[in-house]
Amino acid sequence: MSAPDPYSINIAELRRIIDALLTRVETQAGPNVIIDDEHYWDLPSPEVWDMAVKPTKVDEVGSLADDLHFLRVMADPLNVGPTLNLIHAAPLLRYLGEKVAV
C-alpha cells in the first residue's frame, strides 16, 4: 500500500479524522463548549496563503458567535455552498482545538 499523497486532501479521510476529533472533544469537555473569547483576527484570502509577503496590517475581525449563527441559519449547506460554510466552520474548529485540552 502506498503512502497518501501529502498534497491531496482525501475528503472521506478528513471527515473521519474531524469526526474522531470532535468525539474526543465532546468526551473531554461535554456537549457544549462556552465561547470565552469571541473575536479573532482574520487575515483575508489570498493574503493568508501568500508566504512570500509578510502581512503588515491585520484589520479584519471575525466573530465566533457570528460564524456559529451563520452555520445554524444555513442548516442546509447547499443554500450558500460548502465553501462559505467551511470558511465559517474553520475558526470554530481552531477555537475548540485551542480551548479544549485533549
C-alpha atoms as a PDB file:
ATOM      1  CA  MET A   1       0.000   0.000   0.000  1.00  0.00           C
ATOM      2  CA  SER A   2       1.405   3.387  -0.961  1.00  0.00           C
ATOM      3  CA  ALA A   3       1.549   6.396   1.334  1.00  0.00           C
ATOM      4  CA  PRO A   4      -1.163   9.022   0.934  1.00  0.00           C
ATOM      5  CA  ASP A   5      -0.294  11.983  -1.250  1.00  0.00           C
ATOM      6  CA  PRO A   6       0.651  14.827   1.155  1.00  0.00           C
ATOM      7  CA  TYR A   7      -0.661  17.363  -1.383  1.00  0.00           C
ATOM      8  CA  SER A   8      -4.100  15.840  -1.829  1.00  0.00           C
ATOM      9  CA  ILE A   9      -6.954  16.057   0.664  1.00  0.00           C
ATOM     10  CA  ASN A  10      -8.985  12.862   0.812  1.00  0.00           C
ATOM     11  CA  ILE A  11     -12.405  14.118   1.904  1.00  0.00           C
ATOM     12  CA  ALA A  12     -13.554  10.795   3.408  1.00  0.00           C
ATOM     13  CA  GLU A  13     -10.331  10.543   5.415  1.00  0.00           C
ATOM     14  CA  LEU A  14     -10.619  14.154   6.616  1.00  0.00           C
ATOM     15  CA  ARG A  15     -14.262  13.579   7.598  1.00  0.00           C
ATOM     16  CA  ARG A  16     -13.262  10.547   9.719  1.00  0.00           C
ATOM     17  CA  ILE A  17     -10.426  12.492  11.357  1.00  0.00           C
ATOM     18  CA  ILE A  18     -12.594  15.524  12.192  1.00  0.00           C
ATOM     19  CA  ASP A  19     -15.402  13.306  13.497  1.00  0.00           C
ATOM     20  CA  ALA A  20     -12.949  11.450  15.752  1.00  0.00           C
ATOM     21  CA  LEU A  21     -11.510  14.753  17.000  1.00  0.00           C
ATOM     22  CA  LEU A  22     -14.941  16.197  17.772  1.00  0.00           C
ATOM     23  CA  THR A  23     -15.952  12.978  19.541  1.00  0.00           C
ATOM     24  CA  ARG A  24     -12.825  13.280  21.696  1.00  0.00           C
ATOM     25  CA  VAL A  25     -13.532  16.948  22.476  1.00  0.00           C
ATOM     26  CA  GLU A  26     -17.124  16.093  23.397  1.00  0.00           C
ATOM     27  CA  THR A  27     -15.923  13.300  25.707  1.00  0.00           C
ATOM     28  CA  GLN A  28     -13.436  15.647  27.355  1.00  0.00           C
ATOM     29  CA  ALA A  29     -15.450  18.884  27.519  1.00  0.00           C
ATOM     30  CA  GLY A  30     -19.071  17.759  27.278  1.00  0.00           C
ATOM     31  CA  PRO A  31     -21.693  18.544  24.643  1.00  0.00           C
ATOM     32  CA  ASN A  32     -21.262  22.333  24.861  1.00  0.00           C
ATOM     33  CA  VAL A  33     -18.117  24.447  24.970  1.00  0.00           C
ATOM     34  CA  ILE A  34     -18.549  28.029  26.147  1.00  0.00           C
ATOM     35  CA  ILE A  35     -17.072  30.718  23.911  1.00  0.00           C
ATOM     36  CA  ASP A  36     -14.963  32.879  26.227  1.00  0.00           C
ATOM     37  CA  ASP A  37     -13.060  34.838  23.570  1.00  0.00           C
ATOM     38  CA  GLU A  38     -15.499  35.660  20.802  1.00  0.00           C
ATOM     39  CA  HIS A  39     -13.442  37.786  18.439  1.00  0.00           C
ATOM     40  CA  TYR A  40     -10.351  36.867  16.454  1.00  0.00           C
ATOM     41  CA  TRP A  41      -8.030  38.417  13.884  1.00  0.00           C
ATOM     42  CA  ASP A  42      -8.928  37.227  10.412  1.00  0.00           C
ATOM     43  CA  LEU A  43      -6.383  37.597   7.651  1.00  0.00           C
ATOM     44  CA  PRO A  44      -8.229  37.788   4.311  1.00  0.00           C
ATOM     45  CA  SER A  45      -7.591  35.499   1.389  1.00  0.00           C
ATOM     46  CA  PRO A  46      -5.463  35.401  -0.735  1.00  0.00           C
ATOM     47  CA  GLU A  47      -3.093  37.209   1.647  1.00  0.00           C
ATOM     48  CA  VAL A  48      -3.383  34.415   4.203  1.00  0.00           C
ATOM     49  CA  TRP A  49      -1.824  31.957   1.712  1.00  0.00           C
ATOM     50  CA  ASP A  50       0.945  34.183   0.325  1.00  0.00           C
ATOM     51  CA  MET A  51       4.080  33.222   2.254  1.00  0.00           C
ATOM     52  CA  ALA A  52       6.208  35.497   0.070  1.00  0.00           C
ATOM     53  CA  VAL A  53       4.655  38.602   1.635  1.00  0.00           C
ATOM     54  CA  LYS A  54       4.593  39.171   5.392  1.00  0.00           C
ATOM     55  CA  PRO A  55       1.310  40.758   6.466  1.00  0.00           C
ATOM     56  CA  THR A  56       1.895  44.291   7.654  1.00  0.00           C
ATOM     57  CA  LYS A  57      -1.620  45.124   8.778  1.00  0.00           C
ATOM     58  CA  VAL A  58      -4.418  42.929  10.039  1.00  0.00           C
ATOM     59  CA  ASP A  59      -7.651  44.844  10.317  1.00  0.00           C
ATOM     60  CA  GLU A  60     -10.217  42.125   9.691  1.00  0.00           C
ATOM     61  CA  VAL A  61     -12.028  40.910  12.812  1.00  0.00           C
ATOM     62  CA  GLY A  62     -14.052  37.721  12.909  1.00  0.00           C
ATOM     63  CA  SER A  63     -16.640  36.626  15.438  1.00  0.00           C
ATOM     64  CA  LEU A  64     -17.119  33.039  16.606  1.00  0.00           C
ATOM     65  CA  ALA A  65     -20.707  33.829  17.572  1.00  0.00           C
ATOM     66  CA  ASP A  66     -21.370  35.187  14.077  1.00  0.00           C
ATOM     67  CA  ASP A  67     -19.715  32.145  12.493  1.00  0.00           C
ATOM     68  CA  LEU A  68     -21.853  29.802  14.597  1.00  0.00           C
ATOM     69  CA  HIS A  69     -25.015  31.794  13.857  1.00  0.00           C
ATOM     70  CA  PHE A  70     -24.273  31.699  10.125  1.00  0.00           C
ATOM     71  CA  LEU A  71     -23.831  27.910  10.190  1.00  0.00           C
ATOM     72  CA  ARG A  72     -27.052  27.461  12.163  1.00  0.00           C
ATOM     73  CA  VAL A  73     -29.035  29.637   9.745  1.00  0.00           C
ATOM     74  CA  MET A  74     -27.554  27.801   6.802  1.00  0.00           C
ATOM     75  CA  ALA A  75     -28.551  24.374   8.134  1.00  0.00           C
ATOM     76  CA  ASP A  76     -28.770  23.244   4.514  1.00  0.00           C
ATOM     77  CA  PRO A  77     -25.203  23.731   3.232  1.00  0.00           C
ATOM     78  CA  LEU A  78     -26.491  23.879  -0.309  1.00  0.00           C
ATOM     79  CA  ASN A  79     -28.176  27.209   0.436  1.00  0.00           C
ATOM     80  CA  VAL A  80     -24.845  29.001   0.186  1.00  0.00           C
ATOM     81  CA  GLY A  81     -22.424  26.292  -0.773  1.00  0.00           C
ATOM     82  CA  PRO A  82     -19.884  24.326   1.183  1.00  0.00           C
ATOM     83  CA  THR A  83     -17.063  26.786   0.537  1.00  0.00           C
ATOM     84  CA  LEU A  84     -18.599  29.611   2.565  1.00  0.00           C
ATOM     85  CA  ASN A  85     -19.787  27.214   5.266  1.00  0.00           C
ATOM     86  CA  LEU A  86     -16.300  25.747   5.638  1.00  0.00           C
ATOM     87  CA  ILE A  87     -14.838  29.245   5.967  1.00  0.00           C
ATOM     88  CA  HIS A  88     -17.185  29.837   8.923  1.00  0.00           C
ATOM     89  CA  ALA A  89     -16.529  26.385  10.445  1.00  0.00           C
ATOM     90  CA  ALA A  90     -12.737  26.734  10.405  1.00  0.00           C
ATOM     91  CA  PRO A  91     -12.419  29.355  13.197  1.00  0.00           C
ATOM     92  CA  LEU A  92     -14.783  27.321  15.396  1.00  0.00           C
ATOM     93  CA  LEU A  93     -12.654  24.197  14.934  1.00  0.00           C
ATOM     94  CA  ARG A  94      -9.499  26.155  15.712  1.00  0.00           C
ATOM     95  CA  TYR A  95     -11.097  27.610  18.861  1.00  0.00           C
ATOM     96  CA  LEU A  96     -12.068  24.134  20.062  1.00  0.00           C
ATOM     97  CA  GLY A  97      -8.568  22.898  19.357  1.00  0.00           C
ATOM     98  CA  GLU A  98      -7.008  25.687  21.390  1.00  0.00           C
ATOM     99  CA  LYS A  99      -9.581  25.822  24.210  1.00  0.00           C
ATOM    100  CA  VAL A 100     -10.137  22.147  24.991  1.00  0.00           C
ATOM    101  CA  ALA A 101      -7.082  20.285  26.234  1.00  0.00           C
ATOM    102  CA  VAL A 102      -7.484  16.750  24.982  1.00  0.00           C
END
